[in-house]
Structures are given as C-alpha cells and as structure tokens.
Amino acid sequence: MAIFVLPDNFETARWLREDEKALWRARNENSRLYLGIPRFGSLRPASSENTSSFGFSTFLLVGIGGFGYSSVLTQLLTVPVYIWASVVYISVSFASDYFRRRAYFMVPMALIMATGYSRVLGLPMTSTAVLYFVTFVTATGIYCVVGLNVTWAINSNAGYFKRATAILDCNKPLEKAHAQWLTKSIG
C-alpha cells in the first residue's frame, strides 16, 4: 500500500508546503556540491606503495638479522630506522600541509624510496654499514609517500566517497599478504 501512497520524491509530496520544498531543493543542491564527482586518481599508486611499505616492514628484521646480529640486537637496530622515518614523515607532512601540495613532496620521496630499494638489491651482504644506512633511505621515502597518498585521497573526497576511501584503507592488511611474496628478502 505504501508504494501507491508515498510520493516518488519531495517535489510530488502533496503535504509539503512550497517553502519546505525549497528547503529540500537547497539540501539536495548542497549534497550534490558536497559529494561532487569522485576522483580516485590518487589511489592508483596506493597498491604499489603499500606493497613496498609492507614488504619493508615485513623483511626489515630479516635483513638486519642477516648481518649476523642476535635477535635482541636486530630488534633494537630497527628502532632508529622507524624513529627516523617518523620524524621525516612528520616534517614532510607539515610542509605538505603548509604549502597545500602533496605530489610535490610525494614524487621526490618516491624517487628516494626507489633509490633505497635499488641499493639494497645491488649491494653485497658484506657491506653491513651501507645496507643499514640504506634502510634509513628506504624508510624515508616509503612512509612519506604512503602517508601523503592516504592524506591526499581522504582530503580529495567527501561524504560517501571519503567513507569508501576509509574502507579501502581498512583492507590494506590484505596487501601485506602479497608483499611477502613480491619482496626479495636479504639473507
């Protein structure tokens, strides 16, 4: 019965006055402007960056452990790497927010990440000091690119699309599953 009684939209509702219909029109226009057209272009590189990130965090212990250190020292040697990455990421994110630019900071950091990974692949395991330094270089690029990409994606969308982006970010642990198969382990 409700299908036959209820109107299809607010414009055909007999019980609404003209000022109430005008209010609904304004709300619909605001909603249309707020939601806008979804732009998911910044999410395209997210999978590759997250693969790099999860591969790094998964194999950092394996790589440092391959230098011949004990498990306790290996754990301790990862702490400075993550502290460095955090400090750099916070600094870069503040600068990115101040200048209101994401790509200007993401591209150089992606190049730094690629440089770090290429050095890891090209150096022998006997160069432990250089390889340890390269973990700092790689972490510098990885966490800045991943963090800025997520910020860019969330701030470029609104309403429904922002929630959809958040759901996408919740599925990132699934990407970690394939990172361990795509990343070359050291050692």
Protein backbone atom coordinates (compact mmCIF):
# COMPACT_ATOMS: atom_id res chain seq x y z
CA MET A 1 0.00 0.00 0.00
CA ALA A 2 2.88 2.38 0.81
CA ILE A 3 4.17 2.08 -2.75
CA PHE A 4 0.94 3.62 -4.03
CA VAL A 5 0.56 6.27 -1.31
CA LEU A 6 4.08 7.64 -0.85
CA PRO A 7 5.40 10.10 -3.44
CA ASP A 8 8.45 9.38 -5.59
CA ASN A 9 10.30 12.48 -4.36
CA PHE A 10 9.76 15.62 -2.32
CA GLU A 11 8.62 17.61 -5.37
CA THR A 12 5.47 15.48 -5.72
CA ALA A 13 4.70 15.26 -1.98
CA ARG A 14 1.27 16.87 -1.51
CA TRP A 15 1.75 17.55 2.21
CA LEU A 16 4.89 19.70 1.81
CA ARG A 17 4.47 23.46 1.55
CA GLU A 18 6.42 25.38 -1.08
CA ASP A 19 8.92 26.73 1.50
CA GLU A 20 9.59 23.15 2.69
CA LYS A 21 10.14 22.02 -0.89
CA ALA A 22 12.54 24.94 -1.36
CA LEU A 23 14.42 23.78 1.74
CA TRP A 24 14.67 20.26 0.30
CA ARG A 25 15.90 21.67 -3.03
CA ALA A 26 18.62 23.60 -1.19
CA ARG A 27 19.60 20.49 0.78
CA ASN A 28 19.81 18.42 -2.40
CA GLU A 29 21.96 21.08 -4.07
CA ASN A 30 24.29 21.24 -1.06
CA SER A 31 24.53 17.47 -1.02
CA ARG A 32 25.32 17.41 -4.74
CA LEU A 33 28.02 20.05 -4.29
CA TYR A 34 29.43 18.30 -1.23
CA LEU A 35 29.63 14.87 -2.79
CA GLY A 36 30.80 16.18 -6.13
CA ILE A 37 32.40 13.90 -8.66
CA PRO A 38 34.56 11.19 -7.14
CA ARG A 39 38.24 11.43 -8.02
CA PHE A 40 40.16 8.33 -7.20
CA GLY A 41 43.23 9.13 -9.30
CA SER A 42 45.47 9.45 -6.27
CA LEU A 43 44.57 5.90 -5.21
CA ARG A 44 46.12 4.29 -8.29
CA PRO A 45 49.66 4.12 -6.92
CA ALA A 46 48.46 3.12 -3.44
CA SER A 47 48.84 -0.60 -4.01
CA SER A 48 52.44 -0.41 -5.19
CA GLU A 49 53.43 1.94 -2.38
CA ASN A 50 51.76 -0.23 0.22
CA THR A 51 53.45 -3.30 -1.20
CA SER A 52 56.77 -1.51 -0.72
CA SER A 53 55.77 -0.45 2.79
CA PHE A 54 54.56 -3.84 3.92
CA GLY A 55 57.49 -5.59 2.27
CA PHE A 56 59.87 -3.26 4.10
CA SER A 57 58.25 -3.72 7.49
CA THR A 58 57.97 -7.48 6.99
CA PHE A 59 61.58 -8.02 5.94
CA LEU A 60 63.43 -5.32 7.86
CA LEU A 61 64.08 -7.75 10.71
CA VAL A 62 65.16 -10.45 8.27
CA GLY A 63 67.53 -8.06 6.53
CA ILE A 64 69.16 -6.74 9.69
CA GLY A 65 69.24 -10.24 11.15
CA GLY A 66 71.12 -11.33 8.04
CA PHE A 67 74.02 -9.12 9.16
CA GLY A 68 74.73 -11.75 11.82
CA TYR A 69 73.38 -9.94 14.88
CA SER A 70 71.46 -11.59 17.72
CA SER A 71 67.67 -11.35 17.72
CA VAL A 72 67.66 -8.75 20.53
CA LEU A 73 70.19 -6.53 18.75
CA THR A 74 68.31 -6.99 15.49
CA GLN A 75 65.13 -5.73 17.17
CA LEU A 76 67.00 -2.79 18.68
CA LEU A 77 68.55 -1.84 15.35
CA THR A 78 65.09 -1.42 13.80
CA VAL A 79 64.11 1.25 16.34
CA PRO A 80 66.28 4.07 14.92
CA VAL A 81 65.01 3.32 11.42
CA TYR A 82 61.38 3.74 12.47
CA ILE A 83 62.14 6.81 14.61
CA TRP A 84 63.93 8.40 11.65
CA ALA A 85 61.03 7.57 9.32
CA SER A 86 58.55 9.05 11.80
CA VAL A 87 60.49 12.30 12.21
CA VAL A 88 60.90 12.72 8.46
CA TYR A 89 57.26 11.88 7.79
CA ILE A 90 56.00 14.36 10.38
CA SER A 91 58.27 17.07 8.95
CA VAL A 92 57.27 16.38 5.35
CA SER A 93 53.58 16.18 6.21
CA PHE A 94 53.71 19.55 7.99
CA ALA A 95 55.45 21.07 4.97
CA SER A 96 52.95 19.44 2.64
CA ASP A 97 50.05 20.86 4.65
CA TYR A 98 51.68 24.29 4.85
CA PHE A 99 52.21 24.52 1.09
CA ARG A 100 48.97 22.62 0.34
CA ARG A 101 50.74 20.33 -2.10
CA ARG A 102 51.03 16.56 -1.97
CA ALA A 103 52.58 15.49 -5.27
CA TYR A 104 55.47 17.95 -4.94
CA PHE A 105 56.55 16.02 -1.87
CA MET A 106 55.47 12.54 -2.96
CA VAL A 107 57.45 12.37 -6.21
CA PRO A 108 60.88 13.12 -4.66
CA MET A 109 60.12 10.74 -1.80
CA ALA A 110 59.14 8.01 -4.27
CA LEU A 111 62.48 8.52 -6.01
CA ILE A 112 64.25 8.25 -2.65
CA MET A 113 62.34 5.02 -1.96
CA ALA A 114 63.30 3.61 -5.37
CA THR A 115 66.92 4.58 -4.80
CA GLY A 116 66.92 2.82 -1.45
CA TYR A 117 65.42 -0.36 -2.85
CA SER A 118 67.81 -0.37 -5.80
CA ARG A 119 70.78 -0.03 -3.44
CA VAL A 120 69.52 -2.95 -1.33
CA LEU A 121 69.37 -5.12 -4.41
CA GLY A 122 72.77 -4.03 -5.70
CA LEU A 123 74.95 -4.31 -2.60
CA PRO A 124 76.60 -7.44 -1.20
CA MET A 125 75.66 -8.63 2.28
CA THR A 126 79.20 -7.94 3.50
CA SER A 127 78.53 -4.17 3.29
CA THR A 128 76.53 -4.15 6.52
CA ALA A 129 77.05 -0.47 7.40
CA VAL A 130 75.98 0.69 3.94
CA LEU A 131 72.99 -1.67 3.90
CA TYR A 132 71.93 -0.43 7.31
CA PHE A 133 72.17 3.16 6.07
CA VAL A 134 70.09 2.19 3.03
CA THR A 135 67.27 1.06 5.35
CA PHE A 136 67.08 4.67 6.57
CA VAL A 137 66.96 5.95 2.99
CA THR A 138 64.26 3.47 2.01
CA ALA A 139 62.14 4.16 5.10
CA THR A 140 62.41 7.90 4.41
CA GLY A 141 60.70 7.51 1.07
CA ILE A 142 58.24 4.76 1.89
CA TYR A 143 56.43 6.22 4.85
CA CYS A 144 56.23 9.73 3.39
CA VAL A 145 54.74 8.51 0.11
CA VAL A 146 52.24 6.16 1.74
CA GLY A 147 51.15 8.68 4.38
CA LEU A 148 50.80 11.58 1.94
CA ASN A 149 48.90 9.42 -0.53
CA VAL A 150 46.36 8.42 2.11
CA THR A 151 46.01 12.05 3.22
CA TRP A 152 45.57 13.19 -0.35
CA ALA A 153 42.95 10.57 -1.10
CA ILE A 154 40.94 11.29 2.04
CA ASN A 155 41.06 15.07 1.64
CA SER A 156 40.19 14.96 -2.07
CA ASN A 157 36.88 13.22 -1.50
CA ALA A 158 33.93 13.99 0.70
CA GLY A 159 30.92 12.31 2.23
CA TYR A 160 30.24 8.87 0.85
CA PHE A 161 33.49 8.77 -1.11
CA LYS A 162 35.52 9.61 2.00
CA ARG A 163 33.93 6.67 3.81
CA ALA A 164 34.61 4.44 0.80
CA THR A 165 38.25 5.54 0.87
CA ALA A 166 38.42 4.72 4.58
CA ILE A 167 37.06 1.23 3.84
CA LEU A 168 39.72 0.83 1.18
CA ASP A 169 42.37 1.76 3.75
CA CYS A 170 40.97 -0.84 6.15
CA ASN A 171 41.71 -3.51 3.55
CA LYS A 172 45.41 -2.67 3.37
CA PRO A 173 46.42 -5.60 5.58
CA LEU A 174 45.30 -7.80 2.69
CA GLU A 175 48.04 -6.20 0.62
CA LYS A 176 50.57 -7.29 3.20
CA ALA A 177 49.76 -10.88 2.33
CA HIS A 178 51.15 -10.49 -1.17
CA ALA A 179 54.04 -8.22 -0.16
CA GLN A 180 55.94 -11.11 1.35
CA TRP A 181 55.86 -12.95 -1.98
CA LEU A 182 56.93 -9.95 -4.09
CA THR A 183 59.80 -8.62 -1.98
CA LYS A 184 63.27 -10.08 -2.18
CA SER A 185 64.47 -10.99 1.28
CA ILE A 186 68.03 -10.24 2.27
CA GLY A 187 69.93 -13.12 3.71
